[in-house]
Amino acid sequence: MRMGTCPVVAPTGGLKDTVEDGLNGIWTDAEMTVEAEVEEESVESISRALRRCAKLFVEEPSKVEDMKVAAMAAAAEFTWSNAALQYEAPGAMLHSSTRQFFRSSEPLTSWPGRRAP
């Protein structure tokens, strides 16, 4: 996606969250099987998605170009740096709240909703 390739994916898990059908890629019309053997239904679903891609490429080249740009923009959001920042954010908030809690000069008995012992 980062290089402008529009992916063809089964709409499952993180792929469904990352690739938006018709915007920055193409979804198959069915989830793929997870078995070791390839099932005919999966093959047919992939075939339909590839035919859809070919049709877009021939009949709507400007839409394909828009999809490439959207794919590159979406890929820019998915970097290791962004993942690290998203991972750190809750910890930073918790750390800040914990520090504020322990610096409070009010006794625990005066906090709202807390009954005195």
PDB file of N, CA and C in Angstrom:
ATOM      1  N   MET A   1       0.822  -1.188   0.000  1.00  0.00           N
ATOM      2  CA  MET A   1       0.000   0.000   0.000  1.00  0.00           C
ATOM      3  C   MET A   1       0.871   1.258   0.000  1.00  0.00           C
ATOM      4  N   ARG A   2       1.975   1.188   0.698  1.00  0.00           N
ATOM      5  CA  ARG A   2       2.841   2.352   0.803  1.00  0.00           C
ATOM      6  C   ARG A   2       3.341   2.816  -0.567  1.00  0.00           C
ATOM      7  N   MET A   3       3.473   1.874  -1.502  1.00  0.00           N
ATOM      8  CA  MET A   3       3.966   2.206  -2.841  1.00  0.00           C
ATOM      9  C   MET A   3       2.823   2.383  -3.846  1.00  0.00           C
ATOM     10  N   GLY A   4       1.581   2.440  -3.370  1.00  0.00           N
ATOM     11  CA  GLY A   4       0.450   2.678  -4.252  1.00  0.00           C
ATOM     12  C   GLY A   4      -0.179   1.426  -4.833  1.00  0.00           C
ATOM     13  N   THR A   5       0.098   0.294  -4.225  1.00  0.00           N
ATOM     14  CA  THR A   5      -0.529  -0.948  -4.673  1.00  0.00           C
ATOM     15  C   THR A   5      -1.845  -1.118  -3.931  1.00  0.00           C
ATOM     16  N   CYS A   6      -2.907  -1.330  -4.674  1.00  0.00           N
ATOM     17  CA  CYS A   6      -4.209  -1.549  -4.054  1.00  0.00           C
ATOM     18  C   CYS A   6      -4.351  -3.021  -3.711  1.00  0.00           C
ATOM     19  N   PRO A   7      -4.464  -3.349  -2.441  1.00  0.00           N
ATOM     20  CA  PRO A   7      -4.530  -4.755  -2.058  1.00  0.00           C
ATOM     21  C   PRO A   7      -5.897  -5.380  -2.332  1.00  0.00           C
ATOM     22  N   VAL A   8      -5.883  -6.671  -2.549  1.00  0.00           N
ATOM     23  CA  VAL A   8      -7.101  -7.476  -2.630  1.00  0.00           C
ATOM     24  C   VAL A   8      -7.048  -8.374  -1.402  1.00  0.00           C
ATOM     25  N   VAL A   9      -8.007  -8.204  -0.486  1.00  0.00           N
ATOM     26  CA  VAL A   9      -7.955  -8.903   0.793  1.00  0.00           C
ATOM     27  C   VAL A   9      -9.301  -9.521   1.138  1.00  0.00           C
ATOM     28  N   ALA A  10      -9.255 -10.518   1.998  1.00  0.00           N
ATOM     29  CA  ALA A  10     -10.479 -11.060   2.591  1.00  0.00           C
ATOM     30  C   ALA A  10     -10.830 -10.153   3.768  1.00  0.00           C
ATOM     31  N   PRO A  11     -12.090  -9.796   3.923  1.00  0.00           N
ATOM     32  CA  PRO A  11     -12.487  -8.862   4.977  1.00  0.00           C
ATOM     33  C   PRO A  11     -12.493  -9.503   6.365  1.00  0.00           C
ATOM     34  N   THR A  12     -11.309  -9.721   6.901  1.00  0.00           N
ATOM     35  CA  THR A  12     -11.182 -10.336   8.223  1.00  0.00           C
ATOM     36  C   THR A  12     -10.185  -9.561   9.058  1.00  0.00           C
ATOM     37  N   GLY A  13     -10.364  -9.594  10.349  1.00  0.00           N
ATOM     38  CA  GLY A  13      -9.414  -9.027  11.302  1.00  0.00           C
ATOM     39  C   GLY A  13      -8.892  -7.655  10.956  1.00  0.00           C
ATOM     40  N   GLY A  14      -7.579  -7.501  11.077  1.00  0.00           N
ATOM     41  CA  GLY A  14      -6.930  -6.228  10.817  1.00  0.00           C
ATOM     42  C   GLY A  14      -7.016  -5.779   9.369  1.00  0.00           C
ATOM     43  N   LEU A  15      -7.147  -6.733   8.452  1.00  0.00           N
ATOM     44  CA  LEU A  15      -7.277  -6.359   7.038  1.00  0.00           C
ATOM     45  C   LEU A  15      -8.551  -5.547   6.824  1.00  0.00           C
ATOM     46  N   LYS A  16      -9.612  -5.953   7.499  1.00  0.00           N
ATOM     47  CA  LYS A  16     -10.884  -5.239   7.377  1.00  0.00           C
ATOM     48  C   LYS A  16     -10.769  -3.825   7.956  1.00  0.00           C
ATOM     49  N   ASP A  17      -9.943  -3.669   8.985  1.00  0.00           N
ATOM     50  CA  ASP A  17      -9.734  -2.358   9.597  1.00  0.00           C
ATOM     51  C   ASP A  17      -8.836  -1.466   8.750  1.00  0.00           C
ATOM     52  N   THR A  18      -7.910  -2.056   8.012  1.00  0.00           N
ATOM     53  CA  THR A  18      -6.918  -1.309   7.251  1.00  0.00           C
ATOM     54  C   THR A  18      -7.370  -0.980   5.840  1.00  0.00           C
ATOM     55  N   VAL A  19      -7.975  -1.944   5.179  1.00  0.00           N
ATOM     56  CA  VAL A  19      -8.367  -1.780   3.775  1.00  0.00           C
ATOM     57  C   VAL A  19      -9.866  -1.498   3.702  1.00  0.00           C
ATOM     58  N   GLU A  20     -10.213  -0.398   3.071  1.00  0.00           N
ATOM     59  CA  GLU A  20     -11.623  -0.043   2.882  1.00  0.00           C
ATOM     60  C   GLU A  20     -12.011  -0.380   1.445  1.00  0.00           C
ATOM     61  N   ASP A  21     -13.013  -1.218   1.323  1.00  0.00           N
ATOM     62  CA  ASP A  21     -13.422  -1.710   0.012  1.00  0.00           C
ATOM     63  C   ASP A  21     -13.817  -0.563  -0.916  1.00  0.00           C
ATOM     64  N   GLY A  22     -13.166  -0.530  -2.077  1.00  0.00           N
ATOM     65  CA  GLY A  22     -13.473   0.487  -3.076  1.00  0.00           C
ATOM     66  C   GLY A  22     -12.830   1.832  -2.815  1.00  0.00           C
ATOM     67  N   LEU A  23     -12.178   1.998  -1.667  1.00  0.00           N
ATOM     68  CA  LEU A  23     -11.513   3.266  -1.360  1.00  0.00           C
ATOM     69  C   LEU A  23      -9.999   3.139  -1.513  1.00  0.00           C
ATOM     70  N   ASN A  24      -9.415   2.152  -0.840  1.00  0.00           N
ATOM     71  CA  ASN A  24      -7.956   1.974  -0.936  1.00  0.00           C
ATOM     72  C   ASN A  24      -7.573   0.526  -1.225  1.00  0.00           C
ATOM     73  N   GLY A  25      -8.554  -0.258  -1.634  1.00  0.00           N
ATOM     74  CA  GLY A  25      -8.310  -1.655  -1.968  1.00  0.00           C
ATOM     75  C   GLY A  25      -9.619  -2.339  -2.290  1.00  0.00           C
ATOM     76  N   ILE A  26      -9.556  -3.643  -2.463  1.00  0.00           N
ATOM     77  CA  ILE A  26     -10.725  -4.442  -2.818  1.00  0.00           C
ATOM     78  C   ILE A  26     -10.856  -5.592  -1.828  1.00  0.00           C
ATOM     79  N   TRP A  27     -12.068  -5.815  -1.348  1.00  0.00           N
ATOM     80  CA  TRP A  27     -12.349  -6.967  -0.498  1.00  0.00           C
ATOM     81  C   TRP A  27     -12.885  -8.101  -1.357  1.00  0.00           C
ATOM     82  N   THR A  28     -12.585  -9.309  -0.969  1.00  0.00           N
ATOM     83  CA  THR A  28     -13.287 -10.443  -1.553  1.00  0.00           C
ATOM     84  C   THR A  28     -14.699 -10.422  -0.966  1.00  0.00           C
ATOM     85  N   ASP A  29     -15.619 -11.131  -1.592  1.00  0.00           N
ATOM     86  CA  ASP A  29     -16.995 -11.106  -1.106  1.00  0.00           C
ATOM     87  C   ASP A  29     -17.280 -12.180  -0.059  1.00  0.00           C
ATOM     88  N   ALA A  30     -16.240 -12.851   0.386  1.00  0.00           N
ATOM     89  CA  ALA A  30     -16.381 -13.860   1.436  1.00  0.00           C
ATOM     90  C   ALA A  30     -15.061 -13.987   2.185  1.00  0.00           C
ATOM     91  N   GLU A  31     -15.168 -14.375   3.448  1.00  0.00           N
ATOM     92  CA  GLU A  31     -13.952 -14.644   4.207  1.00  0.00           C
ATOM     93  C   GLU A  31     -13.330 -15.935   3.679  1.00  0.00           C
ATOM     94  N   MET A  32     -12.033 -16.010   3.760  1.00  0.00           N
ATOM     95  CA  MET A  32     -11.335 -17.201   3.274  1.00  0.00           C
ATOM     96  C   MET A  32     -11.335 -18.280   4.351  1.00  0.00           C
ATOM     97  N   THR A  33     -11.247 -19.506   3.909  1.00  0.00           N
ATOM     98  CA  THR A  33     -11.161 -20.608   4.857  1.00  0.00           C
ATOM     99  C   THR A  33      -9.756 -20.633   5.445  1.00  0.00           C
ATOM    100  N   VAL A  34      -9.640 -21.189   6.612  1.00  0.00           N
ATOM    101  CA  VAL A  34      -8.333 -21.263   7.265  1.00  0.00           C
ATOM    102  C   VAL A  34      -7.752 -22.669   7.206  1.00  0.00           C
ATOM    103  N   GLU A  35      -8.404 -23.517   6.473  1.00  0.00           N
ATOM    104  CA  GLU A  35      -7.941 -24.896   6.340  1.00  0.00           C
ATOM    105  C   GLU A  35      -6.718 -24.971   5.435  1.00  0.00           C
ATOM    106  N   ALA A  36      -5.982 -26.050   5.537  1.00  0.00           N
ATOM    107  CA  ALA A  36      -4.794 -26.251   4.707  1.00  0.00           C
ATOM    108  C   ALA A  36      -5.175 -26.491   3.248  1.00  0.00           C
ATOM    109  N   GLU A  37      -6.359 -27.049   3.036  1.00  0.00           N
ATOM    110  CA  GLU A  37      -6.808 -27.298   1.674  1.00  0.00           C
ATOM    111  C   GLU A  37      -7.542 -26.075   1.127  1.00  0.00           C
ATOM    112  N   VAL A  38      -7.326 -25.780  -0.129  1.00  0.00           N
ATOM    113  CA  VAL A  38      -8.005 -24.661  -0.768  1.00  0.00           C
ATOM    114  C   VAL A  38      -9.415 -25.102  -1.146  1.00  0.00           C
ATOM    115  N   GLU A  39     -10.400 -24.321  -0.735  1.00  0.00           N
ATOM    116  CA  GLU A  39     -11.784 -24.658  -1.039  1.00  0.00           C
ATOM    117  C   GLU A  39     -12.254 -23.900  -2.273  1.00  0.00           C
ATOM    118  N   GLU A  40     -13.124 -24.501  -3.015  1.00  0.00           N
ATOM    119  CA  GLU A  40     -13.643 -23.914  -4.253  1.00  0.00           C
ATOM    120  C   GLU A  40     -14.308 -22.561  -3.996  1.00  0.00           C
ATOM    121  N   GLU A  41     -15.008 -22.447  -2.877  1.00  0.00           N
ATOM    122  CA  GLU A  41     -15.675 -21.177  -2.542  1.00  0.00           C
ATOM    123  C   GLU A  41     -14.664 -20.033  -2.417  1.00  0.00           C
ATOM    124  N   SER A  42     -13.528 -20.311  -1.795  1.00  0.00           N
ATOM    125  CA  SER A  42     -12.483 -19.294  -1.655  1.00  0.00           C
ATOM    126  C   SER A  42     -11.907 -18.912  -3.016  1.00  0.00           C
ATOM    127  N   VAL A  43     -11.658 -19.901  -3.842  1.00  0.00           N
ATOM    128  CA  VAL A  43     -11.115 -19.661  -5.180  1.00  0.00           C
ATOM    129  C   VAL A  43     -12.078 -18.788  -5.979  1.00  0.00           C
ATOM    130  N   GLU A  44     -13.365 -19.111  -5.919  1.00  0.00           N
ATOM    131  CA  GLU A  44     -14.364 -18.330  -6.647  1.00  0.00           C
ATOM    132  C   GLU A  44     -14.447 -16.904  -6.131  1.00  0.00           C
ATOM    133  N   SER A  45     -14.349 -16.717  -4.831  1.00  0.00           N
ATOM    134  CA  SER A  45     -14.401 -15.377  -4.244  1.00  0.00           C
ATOM    135  C   SER A  45     -13.203 -14.530  -4.689  1.00  0.00           C
ATOM    136  N   ILE A  46     -12.027 -15.133  -4.691  1.00  0.00           N
ATOM    137  CA  ILE A  46     -10.829 -14.417  -5.152  1.00  0.00           C
ATOM    138  C   ILE A  46     -10.955 -14.098  -6.638  1.00  0.00           C
ATOM    139  N   SER A  47     -11.480 -15.024  -7.412  1.00  0.00           N
ATOM    140  CA  SER A  47     -11.668 -14.794  -8.853  1.00  0.00           C
ATOM    141  C   SER A  47     -12.603 -13.613  -9.102  1.00  0.00           C
ATOM    142  N   ARG A  48     -13.688 -13.542  -8.343  1.00  0.00           N
ATOM    143  CA  ARG A  48     -14.628 -12.420  -8.499  1.00  0.00           C
ATOM    144  C   ARG A  48     -13.955 -11.098  -8.143  1.00  0.00           C
ATOM    145  N   ALA A  49     -13.158 -11.099  -7.086  1.00  0.00           N
ATOM    146  CA  ALA A  49     -12.464  -9.867  -6.684  1.00  0.00           C
ATOM    147  C   ALA A  49     -11.458  -9.430  -7.752  1.00  0.00           C
ATOM    148  N   LEU A  50     -10.731 -10.386  -8.330  1.00  0.00           N
ATOM    149  CA  LEU A  50      -9.762 -10.040  -9.375  1.00  0.00           C
ATOM    150  C   LEU A  50     -10.457  -9.550 -10.645  1.00  0.00           C
ATOM    151  N   ARG A  51     -11.609 -10.129 -10.969  1.00  0.00           N
ATOM    152  CA  ARG A  51     -12.384  -9.625 -12.114  1.00  0.00           C
ATOM    153  C   ARG A  51     -12.857  -8.202 -11.853  1.00  0.00           C
ATOM    154  N   ARG A  52     -13.244  -7.949 -10.624  1.00  0.00           N
ATOM    155  CA  ARG A  52     -13.657  -6.584 -10.250  1.00  0.00           C
ATOM    156  C   ARG A  52     -12.497  -5.605 -10.408  1.00  0.00           C
ATOM    157  N   CYS A  53     -11.303  -6.026 -10.001  1.00  0.00           N
ATOM    158  CA  CYS A  53     -10.103  -5.186 -10.165  1.00  0.00           C
ATOM    159  C   CYS A  53      -9.842  -4.899 -11.635  1.00  0.00           C
ATOM    160  N   ALA A  54      -9.896  -5.932 -12.450  1.00  0.00           N
ATOM    161  CA  ALA A  54      -9.637  -5.765 -13.887  1.00  0.00           C
ATOM    162  C   ALA A  54     -10.656  -4.823 -14.515  1.00  0.00           C
ATOM    163  N   LYS A  55     -11.906  -4.954 -14.116  1.00  0.00           N
ATOM    164  CA  LYS A  55     -12.962  -4.093 -14.646  1.00  0.00           C
ATOM    165  C   LYS A  55     -12.713  -2.636 -14.255  1.00  0.00           C
ATOM    166  N   LEU A  56     -12.346  -2.407 -12.997  1.00  0.00           N
ATOM    167  CA  LEU A  56     -12.021  -1.046 -12.551  1.00  0.00           C
ATOM    168  C   LEU A  56     -10.850  -0.476 -13.353  1.00  0.00           C
ATOM    169  N   PHE A  57      -9.828  -1.285 -13.537  1.00  0.00           N
ATOM    170  CA  PHE A  57      -8.629  -0.849 -14.249  1.00  0.00           C
ATOM    171  C   PHE A  57      -8.955  -0.414 -15.676  1.00  0.00           C
ATOM    172  N   VAL A  58      -9.840  -1.149 -16.343  1.00  0.00           N
ATOM    173  CA  VAL A  58     -10.184  -0.859 -17.735  1.00  0.00           C
ATOM    174  C   VAL A  58     -11.224   0.257 -17.841  1.00  0.00           C
ATOM    175  N   GLU A  59     -12.258   0.194 -16.998  1.00  0.00           N
ATOM    176  CA  GLU A  59     -13.393   1.100 -17.158  1.00  0.00           C
ATOM    177  C   GLU A  59     -13.301   2.382 -16.337  1.00  0.00           C
ATOM    178  N   GLU A  60     -12.560   2.361 -15.230  1.00  0.00           N
ATOM    179  CA  GLU A  60     -12.486   3.540 -14.361  1.00  0.00           C
ATOM    180  C   GLU A  60     -11.047   3.817 -13.915  1.00  0.00           C
ATOM    181  N   PRO A  61     -10.162   4.154 -14.864  1.00  0.00           N
ATOM    182  CA  PRO A  61      -8.760   4.365 -14.488  1.00  0.00           C
ATOM    183  C   PRO A  61      -8.566   5.506 -13.484  1.00  0.00           C
ATOM    184  N   SER A  62      -9.416   6.528 -13.527  1.00  0.00           N
ATOM    185  CA  SER A  62      -9.256   7.630 -12.575  1.00  0.00           C
ATOM    186  C   SER A  62      -9.585   7.167 -11.146  1.00  0.00           C
ATOM    187  N   LYS A  63     -10.555   6.267 -11.010  1.00  0.00           N
ATOM    188  CA  LYS A  63     -10.866   5.720  -9.688  1.00  0.00           C
ATOM    189  C   LYS A  63      -9.705   4.880  -9.171  1.00  0.00           C
ATOM    190  N   VAL A  64      -9.054   4.135 -10.053  1.00  0.00           N
ATOM    191  CA  VAL A  64      -7.899   3.335  -9.654  1.00  0.00           C
ATOM    192  C   VAL A  64      -6.785   4.260  -9.151  1.00  0.00           C
ATOM    193  N   GLU A  65      -6.566   5.369  -9.828  1.00  0.00           N
ATOM    194  CA  GLU A  65      -5.549   6.327  -9.377  1.00  0.00           C
ATOM    195  C   GLU A  65      -5.903   6.896  -8.005  1.00  0.00           C
ATOM    196  N   ASP A  66      -7.185   7.222  -7.796  1.00  0.00           N
ATOM    197  CA  ASP A  66      -7.628   7.710  -6.482  1.00  0.00           C
ATOM    198  C   ASP A  66      -7.413   6.652  -5.404  1.00  0.00           C
ATOM    199  N   MET A  67      -7.665   5.402  -5.757  1.00  0.00           N
ATOM    200  CA  MET A  67      -7.469   4.314  -4.801  1.00  0.00           C
ATOM    201  C   MET A  67      -5.994   4.153  -4.445  1.00  0.00           C
ATOM    202  N   LYS A  68      -5.116   4.341  -5.416  1.00  0.00           N
ATOM    203  CA  LYS A  68      -3.673   4.254  -5.151  1.00  0.00           C
ATOM    204  C   LYS A  68      -3.249   5.327  -4.159  1.00  0.00           C
ATOM    205  N   VAL A  69      -3.720   6.554  -4.381  1.00  0.00           N
ATOM    206  CA  VAL A  69      -3.383   7.667  -3.480  1.00  0.00           C
ATOM    207  C   VAL A  69      -3.923   7.378  -2.077  1.00  0.00           C
ATOM    208  N   ALA A  70      -5.160   6.887  -2.001  1.00  0.00           N
ATOM    209  CA  ALA A  70      -5.751   6.555  -0.704  1.00  0.00           C
ATOM    210  C   ALA A  70      -4.991   5.426  -0.021  1.00  0.00           C
ATOM    211  N   ALA A  71      -4.519   4.461  -0.789  1.00  0.00           N
ATOM    212  CA  ALA A  71      -3.742   3.353  -0.215  1.00  0.00           C
ATOM    213  C   ALA A  71      -2.437   3.873   0.392  1.00  0.00           C
ATOM    214  N   MET A  72      -1.765   4.778  -0.318  1.00  0.00           N
ATOM    215  CA  MET A  72      -0.512   5.341   0.207  1.00  0.00           C
ATOM    216  C   MET A  72      -0.774   6.150   1.476  1.00  0.00           C
ATOM    217  N   ALA A  73      -1.874   6.913   1.498  1.00  0.00           N
ATOM    218  CA  ALA A  73      -2.206   7.702   2.683  1.00  0.00           C
ATOM    219  C   ALA A  73      -2.519   6.791   3.869  1.00  0.00           C
ATOM    220  N   ALA A  74      -3.265   5.725   3.615  1.00  0.00           N
ATOM    221  CA  ALA A  74      -3.594   4.790   4.695  1.00  0.00           C
ATOM    222  C   ALA A  74      -2.336   4.118   5.228  1.00  0.00           C
ATOM    223  N   ALA A  75      -1.442   3.750   4.330  1.00  0.00           N
ATOM    224  CA  ALA A  75      -0.214   3.071   4.747  1.00  0.00           C
ATOM    225  C   ALA A  75       0.662   3.983   5.595  1.00  0.00           C
ATOM    226  N   ALA A  76       0.602   5.284   5.345  1.00  0.00           N
ATOM    227  CA  ALA A  76       1.416   6.226   6.119  1.00  0.00           C
ATOM    228  C   ALA A  76       1.018   6.227   7.590  1.00  0.00           C
ATOM    229  N   GLU A  77      -0.234   5.860   7.872  1.00  0.00           N
ATOM    230  CA  GLU A  77      -0.692   5.810   9.261  1.00  0.00           C
ATOM    231  C   GLU A  77      -0.151   4.595  10.000  1.00  0.00           C
ATOM    232  N   PHE A  78       0.180   3.543   9.264  1.00  0.00           N
ATOM    233  CA  PHE A  78       0.592   2.291   9.881  1.00  0.00           C
ATOM    234  C   PHE A  78       2.115   2.163   9.845  1.00  0.00           C
ATOM    235  N   THR A  79       2.761   2.816  10.811  1.00  0.00           N
ATOM    236  CA  THR A  79       4.213   2.759  10.933  1.00  0.00           C
ATOM    237  C   THR A  79       4.563   2.234  12.325  1.00  0.00           C
ATOM    238  N   TRP A  80       5.784   1.794  12.493  1.00  0.00           N
ATOM    239  CA  TRP A  80       6.211   1.349  13.818  1.00  0.00           C
ATOM    240  C   TRP A  80       6.199   2.503  14.807  1.00  0.00           C
ATOM    241  N   SER A  81       6.517   3.710  14.339  1.00  0.00           N
ATOM    242  CA  SER A  81       6.500   4.873  15.233  1.00  0.00           C
ATOM    243  C   SER A  81       5.097   5.142  15.757  1.00  0.00           C
ATOM    244  N   ASN A  82       4.099   5.115  14.849  1.00  0.00           N
ATOM    245  CA  ASN A  82       2.717   5.329  15.287  1.00  0.00           C
ATOM    246  C   ASN A  82       2.257   4.218  16.224  1.00  0.00           C
ATOM    247  N   ALA A  83       2.636   2.998  15.924  1.00  0.00           N
ATOM    248  CA  ALA A  83       2.259   1.882  16.793  1.00  0.00           C
ATOM    249  C   ALA A  83       2.852   2.073  18.188  1.00  0.00           C
ATOM    250  N   ALA A  84       4.101   2.498  18.251  1.00  0.00           N
ATOM    251  CA  ALA A  84       4.750   2.723  19.547  1.00  0.00           C
ATOM    252  C   ALA A  84       4.067   3.853  20.314  1.00  0.00           C
ATOM    253  N   LEU A  85       3.711   4.928  19.620  1.00  0.00           N
ATOM    254  CA  LEU A  85       3.025   6.037  20.285  1.00  0.00           C
ATOM    255  C   LEU A  85       1.667   5.604  20.828  1.00  0.00           C
ATOM    256  N   GLN A  86       0.933   4.815  20.064  1.00  0.00           N
ATOM    257  CA  GLN A  86      -0.365   4.332  20.523  1.00  0.00           C
ATOM    258  C   GLN A  86      -0.204   3.378  21.708  1.00  0.00           C
ATOM    259  N   TYR A  87       0.871   2.631  21.719  1.00  0.00           N
ATOM    260  CA  TYR A  87       1.138   1.698  22.809  1.00  0.00           C
ATOM    261  C   TYR A  87       1.521   2.456  24.081  1.00  0.00           C
ATOM    262  N   GLU A  88       2.279   3.538  23.925  1.00  0.00           N
ATOM    263  CA  GLU A  88       2.764   4.301  25.069  1.00  0.00           C
ATOM    264  C   GLU A  88       1.700   5.216  25.676  1.00  0.00           C
ATOM    265  N   ALA A  89       0.751   5.680  24.890  1.00  0.00           N
ATOM    266  CA  ALA A  89      -0.216   6.679  25.355  1.00  0.00           C
ATOM    267  C   ALA A  89      -0.967   6.254  26.622  1.00  0.00           C
ATOM    268  N   PRO A  90      -1.558   5.076  26.684  1.00  0.00           N
ATOM    269  CA  PRO A  90      -2.271   4.703  27.915  1.00  0.00           C
ATOM    270  C   PRO A  90      -1.339   4.633  29.124  1.00  0.00           C
ATOM    271  N   GLY A  91      -0.122   4.158  28.918  1.00  0.00           N
ATOM    272  CA  GLY A  91       0.837   4.094  30.019  1.00  0.00           C
ATOM    273  C   GLY A  91       1.203   5.477  30.539  1.00  0.00           C
ATOM    274  N   ALA A  92       1.354   6.420  29.622  1.00  0.00           N
ATOM    275  CA  ALA A  92       1.691   7.791  30.028  1.00  0.00           C
ATOM    276  C   ALA A  92       0.543   8.402  30.822  1.00  0.00           C
ATOM    277  N   MET A  93      -0.682   8.147  30.394  1.00  0.00           N
ATOM    278  CA  MET A  93      -1.835   8.676  31.128  1.00  0.00           C
ATOM    279  C   MET A  93      -1.920   8.052  32.517  1.00  0.00           C
ATOM    280  N   LEU A  94      -1.702   6.751  32.601  1.00  0.00           N
ATOM    281  CA  LEU A  94      -1.744   6.058  33.884  1.00  0.00           C
ATOM    282  C   LEU A  94      -0.645   6.581  34.801  1.00  0.00           C
ATOM    283  N   HIS A  95       0.553   6.775  34.252  1.00  0.00           N
ATOM    284  CA  HIS A  95       1.679   7.284  35.041  1.00  0.00           C
ATOM    285  C   HIS A  95       1.351   8.668  35.601  1.00  0.00           C
ATOM    286  N   SER A  96       0.783   9.536  34.765  1.00  0.00           N
ATOM    287  CA  SER A  96       0.428  10.887  35.196  1.00  0.00           C
ATOM    288  C   SER A  96      -0.629  10.853  36.289  1.00  0.00           C
ATOM    289  N   SER A  97      -1.649  10.015  36.129  1.00  0.00           N
ATOM    290  CA  SER A  97      -2.715   9.912  37.129  1.00  0.00           C
ATOM    291  C   SER A  97      -2.180   9.366  38.438  1.00  0.00           C
ATOM    292  N   THR A  98      -1.292   8.388  38.370  1.00  0.00           N
ATOM    293  CA  THR A  98      -0.727   7.784  39.568  1.00  0.00           C
ATOM    294  C   THR A  98       0.112   8.799  40.336  1.00  0.00           C
ATOM    295  N   ARG A  99       0.919   9.570  39.608  1.00  0.00           N
ATOM    296  CA  ARG A  99       1.741  10.596  40.272  1.00  0.00           C
ATOM    297  C   ARG A  99       0.855  11.622  40.953  1.00  0.00           C
ATOM    298  N   GLN A 100      -0.228  12.040  40.309  1.00  0.00           N
ATOM    299  CA  GLN A 100      -1.138  13.018  40.884  1.00  0.00           C
ATOM    300  C   GLN A 100      -1.809  12.434  42.133  1.00  0.00           C
ATOM    301  N   PHE A 101      -2.176  11.170  42.088  1.00  0.00           N
ATOM    302  CA  PHE A 101      -2.822  10.506  43.216  1.00  0.00           C
ATOM    303  C   PHE A 101      -1.913  10.519  44.440  1.00  0.00           C
ATOM    304  N   PHE A 102      -0.657  10.174  44.255  1.00  0.00           N
ATOM    305  CA  PHE A 102       0.248  10.080  45.396  1.00  0.00           C
ATOM    306  C   PHE A 102       0.738  11.437  45.887  1.00  0.00           C
ATOM    307  N   ARG A 103       0.620  12.473  45.079  1.00  0.00           N
ATOM    308  CA  ARG A 103       1.014  13.815  45.514  1.00  0.00           C
ATOM    309  C   ARG A 103      -0.113  14.549  46.231  1.00  0.00           C
ATOM    310  N   SER A 104      -1.299  14.018  46.198  1.00  0.00           N
ATOM    311  CA  SER A 104      -2.445  14.674  46.821  1.00  0.00           C
ATOM    312  C   SER A 104      -2.225  14.781  48.320  1.00  0.00           C
ATOM    313  N   SER A 105      -2.537  15.956  48.876  1.00  0.00           N
ATOM    314  CA  SER A 105      -2.366  16.153  50.315  1.00  0.00           C
ATOM    315  C   SER A 105      -3.646  15.820  51.076  1.00  0.00           C
ATOM    316  N   GLU A 106      -4.732  15.535  50.355  1.00  0.00           N
ATOM    317  CA  GLU A 106      -5.995  15.229  51.017  1.00  0.00           C
ATOM    318  C   GLU A 106      -5.963  13.801  51.550  1.00  0.00           C
ATOM    319  N   PRO A 107      -6.493  13.599  52.740  1.00  0.00           N
ATOM    320  CA  PRO A 107      -6.561  12.225  53.243  1.00  0.00           C
ATOM    321  C   PRO A 107      -7.592  11.422  52.453  1.00  0.00           C
ATOM    322  N   LEU A 108      -7.407  10.142  52.386  1.00  0.00           N
ATOM    323  CA  LEU A 108      -8.302   9.277  51.629  1.00  0.00           C
ATOM    324  C   LEU A 108      -9.743   9.374  52.100  1.00  0.00           C
ATOM    325  N   THR A 109      -9.955   9.665  53.371  1.00  0.00           N
ATOM    326  CA  THR A 109     -11.318   9.713  53.906  1.00  0.00           C
ATOM    327  C   THR A 109     -12.105  10.887  53.356  1.00  0.00           C
ATOM    328  N   SER A 110     -11.445  11.900  52.801  1.00  0.00           N
ATOM    329  CA  SER A 110     -12.178  13.078  52.310  1.00  0.00           C
ATOM    330  C   SER A 110     -12.500  12.988  50.824  1.00  0.00           C
ATOM    331  N   TRP A 111     -12.093  11.917  50.182  1.00  0.00           N
ATOM    332  CA  TRP A 111     -12.370  11.811  48.752  1.00  0.00           C
ATOM    333  C   TRP A 111     -13.834  11.509  48.525  1.00  0.00           C
ATOM    334  N   PRO A 112     -14.417  12.052  47.459  1.00  0.00           N
ATOM    335  CA  PRO A 112     -15.849  11.822  47.187  1.00  0.00           C
ATOM    336  C   PRO A 112     -16.149  10.329  47.062  1.00  0.00           C
ATOM    337  N   GLY A 113     -17.266   9.934  47.683  1.00  0.00           N
ATOM    338  CA  GLY A 113     -17.689   8.542  47.589  1.00  0.00           C
ATOM    339  C   GLY A 113     -16.996   7.593  48.559  1.00  0.00           C
ATOM    340  N   ARG A 114     -16.061   8.112  49.333  1.00  0.00           N
ATOM    341  CA  ARG A 114     -15.320   7.253  50.274  1.00  0.00           C
ATOM    342  C   ARG A 114     -15.828   7.546  51.688  1.00  0.00           C
ATOM    343  N   ARG A 115     -16.194   6.508  52.390  1.00  0.00           N
ATOM    344  CA  ARG A 115     -16.641   6.667  53.761  1.00  0.00           C
ATOM    345  C   ARG A 115     -15.468   6.580  54.719  1.00  0.00           C
ATOM    346  N   ALA A 116     -15.586   7.314  55.775  1.00  0.00           N
ATOM    347  CA  ALA A 116     -14.534   7.286  56.789  1.00  0.00           C
ATOM    348  C   ALA A 116     -14.507   5.920  57.447  1.00  0.00           C
ATOM    349  N   PRO A 117     -13.320   5.455  57.841  1.00  0.00           N
ATOM    350  CA  PRO A 117     -13.218   4.125  58.499  1.00  0.00           C
ATOM    351  C   PRO A 117     -13.831   4.116  59.885  1.00  0.00           C
TER     352      PRO A 117
END
